[in-house]
PDB file of N, CA and C in Angstrom:
ATOM      1  N   MET A   1      62.346 169.058-148.235  1.00  0.00           N
ATOM      2  CA  MET A   1      63.349 169.595-147.343  1.00  0.00           C
ATOM      3  C   MET A   1      63.063 169.143-145.906  1.00  0.00           C
ATOM      4  N   ARG A   2      64.129 168.738-145.196  1.00  0.00           N
ATOM      5  CA  ARG A   2      63.966 168.247-143.829  1.00  0.00           C
ATOM      6  C   ARG A   2      64.468 169.280-142.840  1.00  0.00           C
ATOM      7  N   PHE A   3      63.726 169.433-141.774  1.00  0.00           N
ATOM      8  CA  PHE A   3      64.114 170.405-140.750  1.00  0.00           C
ATOM      9  C   PHE A   3      64.545 169.743-139.445  1.00  0.00           C
ATOM     10  N   ASP A   4      64.400 168.426-139.366  1.00  0.00           N
ATOM     11  CA  ASP A   4      64.819 167.766-138.125  1.00  0.00           C
ATOM     12  C   ASP A   4      66.343 167.636-138.104  1.00  0.00           C
ATOM     13  N   THR A   5      66.884 167.604-136.906  1.00  0.00           N
ATOM     14  CA  THR A   5      68.335 167.532-136.773  1.00  0.00           C
ATOM     15  C   THR A   5      68.793 166.080-136.885  1.00  0.00           C
ATOM     16  N   PRO A   6      69.950 165.868-137.458  1.00  0.00           N
ATOM     17  CA  PRO A   6      70.456 164.500-137.583  1.00  0.00           C
ATOM     18  C   PRO A   6      70.722 163.885-136.215  1.00  0.00           C
ATOM     19  N   GLN A   7      70.500 162.586-136.122  1.00  0.00           N
ATOM     20  CA  GLN A   7      70.760 161.867-134.875  1.00  0.00           C
ATOM     21  C   GLN A   7      71.903 160.897-135.111  1.00  0.00           C
ATOM     22  N   SER A   8      72.608 160.585-134.036  1.00  0.00           N
ATOM     23  CA  SER A   8      73.684 159.598-134.162  1.00  0.00           C
ATOM     24  C   SER A   8      73.076 158.220-134.380  1.00  0.00           C
ATOM     25  N   LEU A   9      73.820 157.353-135.016  1.00  0.00           N
ATOM     26  CA  LEU A   9      73.345 156.005-135.267  1.00  0.00           C
ATOM     27  C   LEU A   9      73.059 155.274-133.958  1.00  0.00           C
ATOM     28  N   SER A  10      73.890 155.503-132.946  1.00  0.00           N
ATOM     29  CA  SER A  10      73.674 154.820-131.665  1.00  0.00           C
ATOM     30  C   SER A  10      72.362 155.252-131.011  1.00  0.00           C
ATOM     31  N   SER A  11      71.992 156.535-131.116  1.00  0.00           N
ATOM     32  CA  SER A  11      70.726 156.962-130.509  1.00  0.00           C
ATOM     33  C   SER A  11      69.537 156.447-131.304  1.00  0.00           C
ATOM     34  N   VAL A  12      69.669 156.378-132.626  1.00  0.00           N
ATOM     35  CA  VAL A  12      68.596 155.812-133.451  1.00  0.00           C
ATOM     36  C   VAL A  12      68.424 154.330-133.129  1.00  0.00           C
ATOM     37  N   LEU A  13      69.553 153.613-132.999  1.00  0.00           N
ATOM     38  CA  LEU A  13      69.505 152.194-132.666  1.00  0.00           C
ATOM     39  C   LEU A  13      68.899 151.994-131.284  1.00  0.00           C
ATOM     40  N   GLN A  14      69.250 152.844-130.331  1.00  0.00           N
ATOM     41  CA  GLN A  14      68.699 152.744-128.980  1.00  0.00           C
ATOM     42  C   GLN A  14      67.185 152.959-129.009  1.00  0.00           C
ATOM     43  N   ASP A  15      66.708 153.942-129.774  1.00  0.00           N
ATOM     44  CA  ASP A  15      65.264 154.172-129.919  1.00  0.00           C
ATOM     45  C   ASP A  15      64.580 152.938-130.488  1.00  0.00           C
ATOM     46  N   PHE A  16      65.208 152.325-131.495  1.00  0.00           N
ATOM     47  CA  PHE A  16      64.654 151.121-132.102  1.00  0.00           C
ATOM     48  C   PHE A  16      64.561 149.996-131.073  1.00  0.00           C
ATOM     49  N   LEU A  17      65.647 149.789-130.315  1.00  0.00           N
ATOM     50  CA  LEU A  17      65.661 148.714-129.320  1.00  0.00           C
ATOM     51  C   LEU A  17      64.609 148.931-128.242  1.00  0.00           C
ATOM     52  N   ASP A  18      64.389 150.184-127.870  1.00  0.00           N
ATOM     53  CA  ASP A  18      63.383 150.487-126.845  1.00  0.00           C
ATOM     54  C   ASP A  18      61.975 150.163-127.321  1.00  0.00           C
ATOM     55  N   LYS A  19      61.732 150.240-128.625  1.00  0.00           N
ATOM     56  CA  LYS A  19      60.399 149.999-129.179  1.00  0.00           C
ATOM     57  C   LYS A  19      60.241 148.598-129.751  1.00  0.00           C
ATOM     58  N   PHE A  20      61.348 147.879-129.921  1.00  0.00           N
ATOM     59  CA  PHE A  20      61.324 146.558-130.542  1.00  0.00           C
ATOM     60  C   PHE A  20      60.563 145.578-129.654  1.00  0.00           C
ATOM     61  N   PRO A  21      59.565 144.861-130.200  1.00  0.00           N
ATOM     62  CA  PRO A  21      58.734 143.988-129.358  1.00  0.00           C
ATOM     63  C   PRO A  21      59.512 142.847-128.693  1.00  0.00           C
ATOM     64  N   GLN A  22      60.522 142.354-129.334  1.00  0.00           N
ATOM     65  CA  GLN A  22      61.296 141.251-128.755  1.00  0.00           C
ATOM     66  C   GLN A  22      62.635 141.745-128.197  1.00  0.00           C
ATOM     67  N   LYS A  23      62.634 142.937-127.637  1.00  0.00           N
ATOM     68  CA  LYS A  23      63.909 143.543-127.237  1.00  0.00           C
ATOM     69  C   LYS A  23      64.659 142.722-126.188  1.00  0.00           C
ATOM     70  N   ARG A  24      63.957 142.040-125.310  1.00  0.00           N
ATOM     71  CA  ARG A  24      64.647 141.230-124.301  1.00  0.00           C
ATOM     72  C   ARG A  24      65.460 140.111-124.971  1.00  0.00           C
ATOM     73  N   LYS A  25      64.829 139.416-125.912  1.00  0.00           N
ATOM     74  CA  LYS A  25      65.524 138.338-126.640  1.00  0.00           C
ATOM     75  C   LYS A  25      66.697 138.908-127.435  1.00  0.00           C
ATOM     76  N   LEU A  26      66.476 140.055-128.046  1.00  0.00           N
ATOM     77  CA  LEU A  26      67.524 140.696-128.828  1.00  0.00           C
ATOM     78  C   LEU A  26      68.710 141.062-127.941  1.00  0.00           C
ATOM     79  N   ARG A  27      68.424 141.640-126.792  1.00  0.00           N
ATOM     80  CA  ARG A  27      69.504 142.027-125.871  1.00  0.00           C
ATOM     81  C   ARG A  27      70.203 140.794-125.296  1.00  0.00           C
ATOM     82  N   GLN A  28      69.458 139.716-125.077  1.00  0.00           N
ATOM     83  CA  GLN A  28      70.091 138.481-124.620  1.00  0.00           C
ATOM     84  C   GLN A  28      71.066 137.981-125.684  1.00  0.00           C
ATOM     85  N   GLY A  29      70.662 138.058-126.940  1.00  0.00           N
ATOM     86  CA  GLY A  29      71.553 137.677-128.032  1.00  0.00           C
ATOM     87  C   GLY A  29      72.787 138.560-128.078  1.00  0.00           C
ATOM     88  N   MET A  30      72.600 139.852-127.790  1.00  0.00           N
ATOM     89  CA  MET A  30      73.727 140.781-127.758  1.00  0.00           C
ATOM     90  C   MET A  30      74.697 140.403-126.624  1.00  0.00           C
ATOM     91  N   VAL A  31      74.148 139.978-125.482  1.00  0.00           N
ATOM     92  CA  VAL A  31      74.985 139.541-124.355  1.00  0.00           C
ATOM     93  C   VAL A  31      75.793 138.312-124.759  1.00  0.00           C
ATOM     94  N   LEU A  32      75.125 137.346-125.390  1.00  0.00           N
ATOM     95  CA  LEU A  32      75.819 136.120-125.794  1.00  0.00           C
ATOM     96  C   LEU A  32      76.937 136.425-126.785  1.00  0.00           C
ATOM     97  N   SER A  33      76.675 137.331-127.708  1.00  0.00           N
ATOM     98  CA  SER A  33      77.705 137.644-128.703  1.00  0.00           C
ATOM     99  C   SER A  33      78.847 138.480-128.113  1.00  0.00           C
ATOM    100  N   ALA A  34      78.589 139.220-127.044  1.00  0.00           N
ATOM    101  CA  ALA A  34      79.629 140.050-126.427  1.00  0.00           C
ATOM    102  C   ALA A  34      80.347 139.332-125.286  1.00  0.00           C
ATOM    103  N   PHE A  35      79.930 138.109-124.983  1.00  0.00           N
ATOM    104  CA  PHE A  35      80.455 137.397-123.814  1.00  0.00           C
ATOM    105  C   PHE A  35      81.985 137.316-123.810  1.00  0.00           C
ATOM    106  N   GLU A  36      82.572 136.836-124.909  1.00  0.00           N
ATOM    107  CA  GLU A  36      84.033 136.677-124.957  1.00  0.00           C
ATOM    108  C   GLU A  36      84.751 138.011-124.818  1.00  0.00           C
ATOM    109  N   GLU A  37      84.215 139.031-125.469  1.00  0.00           N
ATOM    110  CA  GLU A  37      84.825 140.361-125.392  1.00  0.00           C
ATOM    111  C   GLU A  37      84.831 140.879-123.955  1.00  0.00           C
ATOM    112  N   VAL A  38      83.763 140.610-123.213  1.00  0.00           N
ATOM    113  CA  VAL A  38      83.634 141.126-121.847  1.00  0.00           C
ATOM    114  C   VAL A  38      84.445 140.307-120.842  1.00  0.00           C
ATOM    115  N   VAL A  39      84.384 138.975-120.934  1.00  0.00           N
ATOM    116  CA  VAL A  39      85.052 138.138-119.922  1.00  0.00           C
ATOM    117  C   VAL A  39      86.466 137.735-120.307  1.00  0.00           C
ATOM    118  N   GLY A  40      86.802 137.860-121.573  1.00  0.00           N
ATOM    119  CA  GLY A  40      88.121 137.450-122.031  1.00  0.00           C
ATOM    120  C   GLY A  40      88.091 136.069-122.657  1.00  0.00           C
ATOM    121  N   LYS A  41      89.076 135.838-123.484  1.00  0.00           N
ATOM    122  CA  LYS A  41      89.146 134.592-124.263  1.00  0.00           C
ATOM    123  C   LYS A  41      89.252 133.357-123.365  1.00  0.00           C
ATOM    124  N   ARG A  42      90.050 133.434-122.301  1.00  0.00           N
ATOM    125  CA  ARG A  42      90.299 132.262-121.449  1.00  0.00           C
ATOM    126  C   ARG A  42      89.017 131.772-120.770  1.00  0.00           C
ATOM    127  N   ILE A  43      88.276 132.670-120.157  1.00  0.00           N
ATOM    128  CA  ILE A  43      87.023 132.270-119.500  1.00  0.00           C
ATOM    129  C   ILE A  43      86.011 131.819-120.547  1.00  0.00           C
ATOM    130  N   ALA A  44      85.942 132.529-121.658  1.00  0.00           N
ATOM    131  CA  ALA A  44      84.989 132.169-122.716  1.00  0.00           C
ATOM    132  C   ALA A  44      85.263 130.759-123.246  1.00  0.00           C
ATOM    133  N   GLN A  45      86.532 130.346-123.285  1.00  0.00           N
ATOM    134  CA  GLN A  45      86.863 128.992-123.742  1.00  0.00           C
ATOM    135  C   GLN A  45      86.382 127.935-122.756  1.00  0.00           C
ATOM    136  N   GLU A  46      86.336 128.273-121.489  1.00  0.00           N
ATOM    137  CA  GLU A  46      85.904 127.320-120.458  1.00  0.00           C
ATOM    138  C   GLU A  46      84.384 127.179-120.406  1.00  0.00           C
ATOM    139  N   ALA A  47      83.675 128.229-120.771  1.00  0.00           N
ATOM    140  CA  ALA A  47      82.207 128.230-120.687  1.00  0.00           C
ATOM    141  C   ALA A  47      81.605 127.537-121.902  1.00  0.00           C
ATOM    142  N   GLU A  48      80.744 126.566-121.651  1.00  0.00           N
ATOM    143  CA  GLU A  48      80.051 125.848-122.711  1.00  0.00           C
ATOM    144  C   GLU A  48      78.550 125.994-122.510  1.00  0.00           C
ATOM    145  N   ASP A  49      77.808 125.739-123.564  1.00  0.00           N
ATOM    146  CA  ASP A  49      76.341 125.736-123.505  1.00  0.00           C
ATOM    147  C   ASP A  49      75.805 127.018-122.849  1.00  0.00           C
ATOM    148  N   LEU A  50      76.297 128.149-123.319  1.00  0.00           N
ATOM    149  CA  LEU A  50      75.901 129.456-122.804  1.00  0.00           C
ATOM    150  C   LEU A  50      74.495 129.787-123.296  1.00  0.00           C
ATOM    151  N   HIS A  51      73.559 129.987-122.358  1.00  0.00           N
ATOM    152  CA  HIS A  51      72.179 130.295-122.739  1.00  0.00           C
ATOM    153  C   HIS A  51      71.462 130.984-121.577  1.00  0.00           C
ATOM    154  N   PHE A  52      70.280 131.506-121.877  1.00  0.00           N
ATOM    155  CA  PHE A  52      69.469 132.157-120.850  1.00  0.00           C
ATOM    156  C   PHE A  52      68.345 131.243-120.397  1.00  0.00           C
ATOM    157  N   GLU A  53      68.069 131.269-119.104  1.00  0.00           N
ATOM    158  CA  GLU A  53      66.875 130.662-118.513  1.00  0.00           C
ATOM    159  C   GLU A  53      66.217 131.796-117.747  1.00  0.00           C
ATOM    160  N   GLY A  54      65.221 132.404-118.365  1.00  0.00           N
ATOM    161  CA  GLY A  54      64.625 133.616-117.799  1.00  0.00           C
ATOM    162  C   GLY A  54      65.650 134.727-117.848  1.00  0.00           C
ATOM    163  N   ASN A  55      65.941 135.323-116.676  1.00  0.00           N
ATOM    164  CA  ASN A  55      66.946 136.398-116.648  1.00  0.00           C
ATOM    165  C   ASN A  55      68.304 135.893-116.146  1.00  0.00           C
ATOM    166  N   LYS A  56      68.455 134.570-116.076  1.00  0.00           N
ATOM    167  CA  LYS A  56      69.717 133.986-115.619  1.00  0.00           C
ATOM    168  C   LYS A  56      70.536 133.511-116.818  1.00  0.00           C
ATOM    169  N   LEU A  57      71.792 133.936-116.851  1.00  0.00           N
ATOM    170  CA  LEU A  57      72.734 133.464-117.854  1.00  0.00           C
ATOM    171  C   LEU A  57      73.339 132.176-117.305  1.00  0.00           C
ATOM    172  N   VAL A  58      73.128 131.086-118.033  1.00  0.00           N
ATOM    173  CA  VAL A  58      73.549 129.766-117.563  1.00  0.00           C
ATOM    174  C   VAL A  58      74.684 129.257-118.438  1.00  0.00           C
ATOM    175  N   MET A  59      75.674 128.659-117.806  1.00  0.00           N
ATOM    176  CA  MET A  59      76.789 128.083-118.560  1.00  0.00           C
ATOM    177  C   MET A  59      77.259 126.819-117.866  1.00  0.00           C
ATOM    178  N   LYS A  60      77.922 125.981-118.636  1.00  0.00           N
ATOM    179  CA  LYS A  60      78.512 124.763-118.106  1.00  0.00           C
ATOM    180  C   LYS A  60      80.026 124.929-118.161  1.00  0.00           C
ATOM    181  N   VAL A  61      80.689 124.573-117.060  1.00  0.00           N
ATOM    182  CA  VAL A  61      82.149 124.659-116.979  1.00  0.00           C
ATOM    183  C   VAL A  61      82.652 123.334-116.414  1.00  0.00           C
ATOM    184  N   LYS A  62      83.554 122.672-117.130  1.00  0.00           N
ATOM    185  CA  LYS A  62      84.058 121.353-116.707  1.00  0.00           C
ATOM    186  C   LYS A  62      85.061 121.443-115.565  1.00  0.00           C
ATOM    187  N   ASN A  63      85.971 122.396-115.652  1.00  0.00           N
ATOM    188  CA  ASN A  63      87.046 122.514-114.671  1.00  0.00           C
ATOM    189  C   ASN A  63      86.520 123.147-113.380  1.00  0.00           C
ATOM    190  N   PRO A  64      86.622 122.425-112.235  1.00  0.00           N
ATOM    191  CA  PRO A  64      86.087 122.951-110.970  1.00  0.00           C
ATOM    192  C   PRO A  64      86.694 124.288-110.537  1.00  0.00           C
ATOM    193  N   SER A  65      87.985 124.491-110.805  1.00  0.00           N
ATOM    194  CA  SER A  65      88.603 125.758-110.379  1.00  0.00           C
ATOM    195  C   SER A  65      88.050 126.929-111.210  1.00  0.00           C
ATOM    196  N   TRP A  66      87.806 126.713-112.508  1.00  0.00           N
ATOM    197  CA  TRP A  66      87.204 127.771-113.327  1.00  0.00           C
ATOM    198  C   TRP A  66      85.754 127.985-112.928  1.00  0.00           C
ATOM    199  N   ARG A  67      85.073 126.904-112.576  1.00  0.00           N
ATOM    200  CA  ARG A  67      83.685 127.023-112.129  1.00  0.00           C
ATOM    201  C   ARG A  67      83.622 127.927-110.896  1.00  0.00           C
ATOM    202  N   HIS A  68      84.529 127.687-109.946  1.00  0.00           N
ATOM    203  CA  HIS A  68      84.580 128.501-108.725  1.00  0.00           C
ATOM    204  C   HIS A  68      84.928 129.957-109.047  1.00  0.00           C
ATOM    205  N   GLU A  69      85.914 130.147-109.931  1.00  0.00           N
ATOM    206  CA  GLU A  69      86.359 131.500-110.305  1.00  0.00           C
ATOM    207  C   GLU A  69      85.220 132.309-110.925  1.00  0.00           C
ATOM    208  N   ILE A  70      84.510 131.696-111.859  1.00  0.00           N
ATOM    209  CA  ILE A  70      83.406 132.392-112.528  1.00  0.00           C
ATOM    210  C   ILE A  70      82.271 132.645-111.543  1.00  0.00           C
ATOM    211  N   HIS A  71      81.960 131.639-110.712  1.00  0.00           N
ATOM    212  CA  HIS A  71      80.889 131.800-109.719  1.00  0.00           C
ATOM    213  C   HIS A  71      81.214 132.933-108.741  1.00  0.00           C
ATOM    214  N   ALA A  72      82.464 133.000-108.309  1.00  0.00           N
ATOM    215  CA  ALA A  72      82.871 134.033-107.349  1.00  0.00           C
ATOM    216  C   ALA A  72      82.782 135.433-107.954  1.00  0.00           C
ATOM    217  N   ASN A  73      82.957 135.532-109.258  1.00  0.00           N
ATOM    218  CA  ASN A  73      82.944 136.838-109.933  1.00  0.00           C
ATOM    219  C   ASN A  73      81.669 137.089-110.729  1.00  0.00           C
ATOM    220  N   ARG A  74      80.626 136.309-110.476  1.00  0.00           N
ATOM    221  CA  ARG A  74      79.416 136.383-111.312  1.00  0.00           C
ATOM    222  C   ARG A  74      78.732 137.742-111.273  1.00  0.00           C
ATOM    223  N   PHE A  75      78.732 138.420-110.141  1.00  0.00           N
ATOM    224  CA  PHE A  75      78.053 139.720-110.072  1.00  0.00           C
ATOM    225  C   PHE A  75      78.812 140.774-110.885  1.00  0.00           C
ATOM    226  N   SER A  76      80.134 140.732-110.802  1.00  0.00           N
ATOM    227  CA  SER A  76      80.960 141.647-111.589  1.00  0.00           C
ATOM    228  C   SER A  76      80.798 141.376-113.078  1.00  0.00           C
ATOM    229  N   ILE A  77      80.793 140.098-113.459  1.00  0.00           N
ATOM    230  CA  ILE A  77      80.618 139.724-114.867  1.00  0.00           C
ATOM    231  C   ILE A  77      79.245 140.165-115.365  1.00  0.00           C
ATOM    232  N   ALA A  78      78.203 139.914-114.570  1.00  0.00           N
ATOM    233  CA  ALA A  78      76.836 140.315-114.958  1.00  0.00           C
ATOM    234  C   ALA A  78      76.752 141.833-115.134  1.00  0.00           C
ATOM    235  N   LYS A  79      77.366 142.561-114.220  1.00  0.00           N
ATOM    236  CA  LYS A  79      77.348 144.024-114.307  1.00  0.00           C
ATOM    237  C   LYS A  79      78.030 144.507-115.585  1.00  0.00           C
ATOM    238  N   ARG A  80      79.176 143.912-115.931  1.00  0.00           N
ATOM    239  CA  ARG A  80      79.902 144.301-117.137  1.00  0.00           C
ATOM    240  C   ARG A  80      79.128 143.934-118.403  1.00  0.00           C
ATOM    241  N   LEU A  81      78.477 142.775-118.396  1.00  0.00           N
ATOM    242  CA  LEU A  81      77.673 142.376-119.552  1.00  0.00           C
ATOM    243  C   LEU A  81      76.487 143.315-119.730  1.00  0.00           C
ATOM    244  N   ASN A  82      75.807 143.632-118.631  1.00  0.00           N
ATOM    245  CA  ASN A  82      74.661 144.559-118.690  1.00  0.00           C
ATOM    246  C   ASN A  82      75.097 145.936-119.169  1.00  0.00           C
ATOM    247  N   SER A  83      76.247 146.371-118.700  1.00  0.00           N
ATOM    248  CA  SER A  83      76.777 147.666-119.118  1.00  0.00           C
ATOM    249  C   SER A  83      77.065 147.667-120.615  1.00  0.00           C
ATOM    250  N   LYS A  84      77.589 146.557-121.113  1.00  0.00           N
ATOM    251  CA  LYS A  84      77.937 146.445-122.531  1.00  0.00           C
ATOM    252  C   LYS A  84      76.708 146.608-123.425  1.00  0.00           C
ATOM    253  N   VAL A  85      75.565 146.036-123.008  1.00  0.00           N
ATOM    254  CA  VAL A  85      74.344 146.110-123.827  1.00  0.00           C
ATOM    255  C   VAL A  85      73.382 147.199-123.336  1.00  0.00           C
ATOM    256  N   LYS A  86      73.834 147.972-122.351  1.00  0.00           N
ATOM    257  CA  LYS A  86      73.050 149.097-121.813  1.00  0.00           C
ATOM    258  C   LYS A  86      71.641 148.686-121.376  1.00  0.00           C
ATOM    259  N   SER A  87      71.568 147.556-120.670  1.00  0.00           N
ATOM    260  CA  SER A  87      70.278 147.062-120.181  1.00  0.00           C
ATOM    261  C   SER A  87      70.527 146.011-119.090  1.00  0.00           C
ATOM    262  N   ASP A  88      69.583 145.884-118.166  1.00  0.00           N
ATOM    263  CA  ASP A  88      69.708 144.869-117.107  1.00  0.00           C
ATOM    264  C   ASP A  88      69.125 143.542-117.586  1.00  0.00           C
ATOM    265  N   VAL A  89      69.820 142.895-118.485  1.00  0.00           N
ATOM    266  CA  VAL A  89      69.363 141.625-119.064  1.00  0.00           C
ATOM    267  C   VAL A  89      69.777 140.451-118.189  1.00  0.00           C
ATOM    268  N   VAL A  90      71.013 140.515-117.662  1.00  0.00           N
ATOM    269  CA  VAL A  90      71.551 139.426-116.856  1.00  0.00           C
ATOM    270  C   VAL A  90      71.239 139.709-115.386  1.00  0.00           C
ATOM    271  N   GLY A  91      70.293 138.953-114.822  1.00  0.00           N
ATOM    272  CA  GLY A  91      69.957 139.117-113.402  1.00  0.00           C
ATOM    273  C   GLY A  91      70.925 138.349-112.516  1.00  0.00           C
ATOM    274  N   ASP A  92      71.386 137.190-112.991  1.00  0.00           N
ATOM    275  CA  ASP A  92      72.316 136.361-112.248  1.00  0.00           C
ATOM    276  C   ASP A  92      73.030 135.455-113.246  1.00  0.00           C
ATOM    277  N   ILE A  93      74.109 134.857-112.803  1.00  0.00           N
ATOM    278  CA  ILE A  93      74.852 133.900-113.619  1.00  0.00           C
ATOM    279  C   ILE A  93      74.885 132.583-112.861  1.00  0.00           C
ATOM    280  N   VAL A  94      74.483 131.518-113.539  1.00  0.00           N
ATOM    281  CA  VAL A  94      74.491 130.182-112.946  1.00  0.00           C
ATOM    282  C   VAL A  94      75.584 129.382-113.643  1.00  0.00           C
ATOM    283  N   VAL A  95      76.492 128.826-112.830  1.00  0.00           N
ATOM    284  CA  VAL A  95      77.599 128.041-113.375  1.00  0.00           C
ATOM    285  C   VAL A  95      77.392 126.593-112.978  1.00  0.00           C
ATOM    286  N   ARG A  96      77.235 125.746-113.978  1.00  0.00           N
ATOM    287  CA  ARG A  96      77.034 124.314-113.721  1.00  0.00           C
ATOM    288  C   ARG A  96      78.251 123.547-114.163  1.00  0.00           C
ATOM    289  N   SER A  97      78.385 122.325-113.611  1.00  0.00           N
ATOM    290  CA  SER A  97      79.515 121.488-114.036  1.00  0.00           C
ATOM    291  C   SER A  97      79.021 120.185-114.611  1.00  0.00           C
TER     292      SER A  97
END
């Protein structure tokens, strides 16, 4: 017989992530997989070679106007991505052409 109270799946998952030895890599993967959902399909289509270099999310964008648009909004995008994964994984966003 169990006397502990049931926990929500999200709180159990959060406990696991807090103790997981590779949690930074895991959360970076979560950011990459949530990128399109957070920034929208149009920006996600422009971003290529999305990867992390330390705490910087790096992407390549061919079109100069999209490069400028993403660069100008990088802090807002980083904040939304961090909020999505409930962690400060994205320190900055680097947009290359």
